[in-house]
Structure formats: structure tokens, C-alpha cells
Amino acid sequence: MKQGDIIIDRKVLDQYKTILEDWIPKSAAIAIAVENTYVYFAGGSHDLQLEVGTAVKQDSLTYRVLQSQSKLDAVMDNSLFDTPYYAIGYPITIDGRNAALVVVLPSTFSPKKQEPYRFLTGKQNEDWSPIPIGEISHIESLQKRTWFYRNGEQYKTSVTLKELEIRLPNMFIRIHRSYIINIHFIKKISRDITSNFIILMKDGTELPVSQSYMNSIRTILEF
């Protein structure tokens, strides 16, 4: 099989599908990318389309796996298909080249993308307040609960980070498994003594950027 200058034996790719069939639903989709190109796709029982030879998009889970060379999972928007999806990505090696195997699970497929949140209703003590989404500086997962912040004040919400990641507008970006931030509230980005990125928010909060999100953040913020 040949995709541009990538030549992969079809039997090698089919082996992964055969192995995965033993533990994933038959309706799940499987995609394999070598370097920056998809070389294999099996759509399962859902009407999903991904043409072999398609370039890997920089806002996709596949790209993050290729860059970080680590296992990742996420609820994604329509960066790969025309519907939001939940996927698990695994770093693999094919013919000595970095590759990614992505399993798209069918249980989260929906007929159409939901509208972005315009506000979040947060709880403080025994009171609830609807907060316009543009006023929220960052969102945190802590002790199995989700909190968001407005003007330095903390609010609790029942919505999970995974749900928020798919329904927040584009001004919000994931920087860590525990943090989503509003880029309009970033004061500066610097490095710590280990050369990892630290984001200083305008309210003085310092938030770490995990290795798996560093490349996607640099791409989004163009630095």
C-alpha cells in the first residue's frame, strides 16, 4: 500500500484490526496514521468517512499522540469527523516510524454537534449563579469535582471537563488533564526550572502545561 512516500504492507495494518476486534465493539472505528498521514481506516458499523492518505490535523487526538508518543484519550469536537466523538489513541511503531492507532468508540456518537455553552451555572455555598462563558477565566478538575473561576471567585459545576472540552467555544483550550483555560485571561507564558510551560493568568493564578498538550498549545497560540 502506498500513500505519497509512505509504503505500508496491508497485512501489517490488518493485524492491528484483528487484535483489536477481540476487545472493542465491532461498531468502533479504527484509524492508523504513520508520521503525518492516515494509512488505514475501518469505520465499523457507523457511517464515518476518513479517506486513506488524509493528512493528520493539528487539532486532532492523532496529532497529540504522534507528538507526545504517549497514550491519550479525549472527547473531541468535529476535527476528524462531522460529529463529536470519544477516542483513545496509542503510540505505535510501524517499519521504524512513529505511528498512532486511534480507536473511536461509538457510544458517544451524536446526530449533530451540540451548540457551545453560552453560560455555566455555578454553585457557591447554597446559591447558584449563571455566569456568562466569556467571564470565566479557567476551569479545574479537583477531587473528582469540576470548578470554574470568575474574577478570582470559585464556583462548582456538575459538568465534567470532558463534556466542557467538547462544548466550550474556541477561546478555551485544554492545557492539562485537570485544566481548561480561557486564552483571553492569559497574562504570560513562561518556563519553570525544568523547562515546562507555566501559564500565569491575569488574576495571578499559575497553571502548569502538561507535556502532552505543549505542542498543540504552541500551534493554537502560534509561538
Protein backbone atom coordinates (compact mmCIF):
# COMPACT_ATOMS: atom_id res chain seq x y z
CA MET A 1 0.00 0.00 0.00
CA LYS A 2 1.34 3.46 -0.87
CA GLN A 3 0.32 6.88 0.43
CA GLY A 4 2.65 9.51 -1.02
CA ASP A 5 6.09 8.31 0.07
CA ILE A 6 4.65 6.04 2.79
CA ILE A 7 4.55 2.37 1.80
CA ILE A 8 2.96 0.00 4.32
CA ASP A 9 2.20 -3.68 3.90
CA ARG A 10 -1.59 -4.07 4.17
CA LYS A 11 -1.12 -7.29 6.16
CA VAL A 12 0.68 -5.35 8.89
CA LEU A 13 -2.24 -2.96 9.26
CA ASP A 14 -4.85 -5.71 9.19
CA GLN A 15 -3.07 -7.42 12.10
CA TYR A 16 -3.93 -4.48 14.36
CA LYS A 17 -7.58 -4.67 13.36
CA THR A 18 -7.66 -8.41 14.05
CA ILE A 19 -6.15 -7.95 17.52
CA LEU A 20 -8.48 -5.08 18.41
CA GLU A 21 -11.61 -6.97 17.36
CA ASP A 22 -11.17 -9.18 20.44
CA TRP A 23 -11.74 -6.32 22.89
CA ILE A 24 -13.51 -3.39 21.22
CA PRO A 25 -17.11 -3.23 19.92
CA LYS A 26 -17.48 -4.18 16.28
CA SER A 27 -19.14 -0.81 15.75
CA ALA A 28 -15.99 1.08 16.82
CA ALA A 29 -13.87 2.78 14.17
CA ILE A 30 -10.12 2.26 13.87
CA ALA A 31 -7.65 4.70 12.31
CA ILE A 32 -3.88 4.33 11.90
CA ALA A 33 -1.58 7.20 11.00
CA VAL A 34 2.11 6.92 10.15
CA GLU A 35 4.04 10.13 10.67
CA ASN A 36 1.51 12.74 9.49
CA THR A 37 -0.70 10.67 7.18
CA TYR A 38 -3.61 8.29 7.75
CA VAL A 39 -2.74 4.95 6.17
CA TYR A 40 -5.63 2.83 7.40
CA PHE A 41 -9.26 3.29 8.39
CA ALA A 42 -12.08 0.91 9.28
CA GLY A 43 -15.34 2.71 10.06
CA GLY A 44 -17.12 -0.04 11.97
CA SER A 45 -20.91 -0.06 11.70
CA HIS A 46 -21.23 3.75 11.82
CA ASP A 47 -21.36 5.89 8.73
CA LEU A 48 -17.97 7.51 9.32
CA GLN A 49 -15.73 8.54 6.46
CA LEU A 50 -11.97 9.08 6.57
CA GLU A 51 -10.03 8.80 3.34
CA VAL A 52 -6.73 6.98 3.50
CA GLY A 53 -3.99 9.43 2.60
CA THR A 54 -5.61 12.29 4.52
CA ALA A 55 -3.14 14.46 6.44
CA VAL A 56 -3.35 14.44 10.25
CA LYS A 57 -4.88 17.68 11.52
CA GLN A 58 -3.03 19.53 14.27
CA ASP A 59 -6.13 19.85 16.47
CA SER A 60 -6.83 16.10 16.45
CA LEU A 61 -6.11 13.46 19.07
CA THR A 62 -4.00 11.61 16.49
CA TYR A 63 -1.66 14.59 16.23
CA ARG A 64 -1.29 14.79 20.01
CA VAL A 65 -0.42 11.10 20.21
CA LEU A 66 2.18 11.41 17.44
CA GLN A 67 3.76 14.45 19.09
CA SER A 68 3.75 13.19 22.68
CA GLN A 69 4.31 9.48 21.93
CA SER A 70 2.01 8.63 24.81
CA LYS A 71 -1.43 7.09 25.24
CA LEU A 72 -4.16 9.74 25.30
CA ASP A 73 -7.93 9.83 25.39
CA ALA A 74 -10.31 12.70 24.89
CA VAL A 75 -13.75 13.82 23.90
CA MET A 76 -13.10 15.59 20.62
CA ASP A 77 -15.07 18.01 18.50
CA ASN A 78 -15.54 17.53 14.76
CA SER A 79 -11.83 17.83 13.92
CA LEU A 80 -11.82 14.33 12.40
CA PHE A 81 -15.43 13.51 11.60
CA ASP A 82 -18.60 15.59 11.21
CA THR A 83 -19.69 14.70 14.72
CA PRO A 84 -18.11 14.88 18.19
CA TYR A 85 -16.51 11.64 19.27
CA TYR A 86 -14.64 9.93 22.09
CA ALA A 87 -11.33 8.38 21.14
CA ILE A 88 -8.37 6.59 22.66
CA GLY A 89 -5.00 6.92 20.92
CA TYR A 90 -1.95 4.67 21.28
CA PRO A 91 1.60 5.37 20.08
CA ILE A 92 2.95 2.53 17.95
CA THR A 93 5.86 1.98 15.58
CA ILE A 94 5.49 0.71 12.01
CA ASP A 95 8.59 -0.01 9.93
CA GLY A 96 10.63 2.04 12.38
CA ARG A 97 8.44 5.15 12.01
CA ASN A 98 6.31 6.82 14.65
CA ALA A 99 2.66 5.98 14.23
CA ALA A 100 -0.62 6.32 16.10
CA LEU A 101 -3.51 3.90 16.42
CA VAL A 102 -6.80 5.59 17.31
CA VAL A 103 -9.95 3.78 18.42
CA VAL A 104 -13.16 5.80 18.09
CA LEU A 105 -15.82 4.46 20.41
CA PRO A 106 -19.41 4.55 19.20
CA SER A 107 -21.22 5.19 22.46
CA THR A 108 -20.60 8.94 22.25
CA PHE A 109 -21.62 9.48 18.64
CA SER A 110 -24.43 12.01 18.34
CA PRO A 111 -26.50 13.01 15.30
CA LYS A 112 -25.21 16.58 15.35
CA LYS A 113 -22.80 18.75 17.27
CA GLN A 114 -24.31 20.49 20.26
CA GLU A 115 -24.19 24.26 20.47
CA PRO A 116 -21.32 25.78 22.52
CA TYR A 117 -22.10 26.82 26.07
CA ARG A 118 -23.14 30.46 26.44
CA PHE A 119 -23.02 30.30 30.25
CA LEU A 120 -22.28 27.90 33.09
CA THR A 121 -24.37 27.76 36.23
CA GLY A 122 -22.10 27.55 39.26
CA LYS A 123 -22.78 26.93 42.92
CA GLN A 124 -21.34 28.88 45.84
CA ASN A 125 -22.46 27.74 49.28
CA GLU A 126 -26.20 27.22 48.73
CA ASP A 127 -26.62 29.69 45.86
CA TRP A 128 -26.50 29.12 42.09
CA SER A 129 -25.39 31.76 39.59
CA PRO A 130 -25.43 31.60 35.76
CA ILE A 131 -22.05 33.01 34.63
CA PRO A 132 -21.54 34.18 31.01
CA ILE A 133 -18.95 31.93 29.41
CA GLY A 134 -16.73 34.85 28.38
CA GLU A 135 -16.26 35.89 32.02
CA ILE A 136 -14.81 32.53 33.07
CA SER A 137 -11.00 32.58 33.28
CA HIS A 138 -10.30 28.88 33.79
CA ILE A 139 -11.83 25.56 34.77
CA GLU A 140 -10.34 22.94 37.07
CA SER A 141 -10.94 19.31 37.92
CA LEU A 142 -10.12 18.74 41.59
CA GLN A 143 -11.04 15.86 43.89
CA LYS A 144 -13.45 14.41 41.31
CA ARG A 145 -15.34 17.70 41.06
CA THR A 146 -15.31 20.48 38.48
CA TRP A 147 -14.75 24.11 39.45
CA PHE A 148 -14.66 27.26 37.37
CA TYR A 149 -13.38 30.73 38.20
CA ARG A 150 -14.67 34.26 37.54
CA ASN A 151 -12.89 37.32 38.99
CA GLY A 152 -10.98 35.03 41.37
CA GLU A 153 -14.19 33.51 42.74
CA GLN A 154 -14.69 29.76 42.67
CA TYR A 155 -17.89 28.06 41.50
CA LYS A 156 -18.79 24.38 41.42
CA THR A 157 -20.47 22.78 38.40
CA SER A 158 -21.75 19.28 37.68
CA VAL A 159 -20.40 19.36 34.12
CA THR A 160 -17.20 17.31 33.63
CA LEU A 161 -14.05 18.55 31.90
CA LYS A 162 -14.61 16.07 29.07
CA GLU A 163 -18.09 17.44 28.46
CA LEU A 164 -16.82 21.01 28.68
CA GLU A 165 -13.94 20.35 26.27
CA ILE A 166 -16.37 19.46 23.52
CA ARG A 167 -18.90 22.25 24.12
CA LEU A 168 -16.80 25.26 25.07
CA PRO A 169 -16.16 27.92 22.40
CA ASN A 170 -12.76 28.16 20.70
CA MET A 171 -11.36 30.71 23.17
CA PHE A 172 -10.99 27.82 25.67
CA ILE A 173 -8.10 25.39 25.36
CA ARG A 174 -7.09 22.30 27.31
CA ILE A 175 -3.61 22.63 28.84
CA HIS A 176 -3.61 19.73 31.29
CA ARG A 177 -5.75 16.77 32.28
CA SER A 178 -7.01 18.99 35.14
CA TYR A 179 -7.23 22.44 33.49
CA ILE A 180 -9.02 24.26 30.68
CA ILE A 181 -8.27 27.96 30.28
CA ASN A 182 -9.76 30.98 28.53
CA ILE A 183 -6.98 32.41 26.35
CA HIS A 184 -8.35 35.93 26.85
CA PHE A 185 -7.27 35.71 30.50
CA ILE A 186 -3.66 34.68 29.88
CA LYS A 187 -1.18 37.26 31.17
CA LYS A 188 2.00 35.47 30.09
CA ILE A 189 3.54 32.08 29.37
CA SER A 190 6.96 31.23 30.79
CA ARG A 191 9.10 28.21 31.62
CA ASP A 192 9.89 26.74 35.01
CA ILE A 193 13.28 25.34 36.09
CA THR A 194 12.54 22.06 34.25
CA SER A 195 11.68 23.96 31.02
CA ASN A 196 7.99 23.10 31.25
CA PHE A 197 5.49 25.82 30.39
CA ILE A 198 3.72 27.71 33.17
CA ILE A 199 0.75 29.94 32.34
CA LEU A 200 0.17 33.00 34.52
CA MET A 201 -3.45 34.12 34.43
CA LYS A 202 -4.47 37.76 34.86
CA ASP A 203 -5.83 37.03 38.35
CA GLY A 204 -2.38 35.77 39.43
CA THR A 205 -3.15 32.04 39.19
CA GLU A 206 -0.27 29.92 37.87
CA LEU A 207 -1.22 26.79 35.93
CA PRO A 208 1.11 24.08 34.57
CA VAL A 209 1.01 22.85 30.98
CA SER A 210 1.41 19.09 30.67
CA GLN A 211 3.83 17.63 28.11
CA SER A 212 1.01 16.07 26.08
CA TYR A 213 -0.56 19.48 25.40
CA MET A 214 2.57 21.59 24.83
CA ASN A 215 2.74 21.20 21.06
CA SER A 216 -0.97 21.78 20.47
CA ILE A 217 -0.88 24.91 22.64
CA ARG A 218 2.09 26.30 20.72
CA THR A 219 0.21 25.63 17.49
CA ILE A 220 -3.01 27.28 18.70
CA LEU A 221 -1.28 30.33 20.19
CA GLU A 222 1.34 30.49 17.40
CA PHE A 223 4.55 30.87 19.35
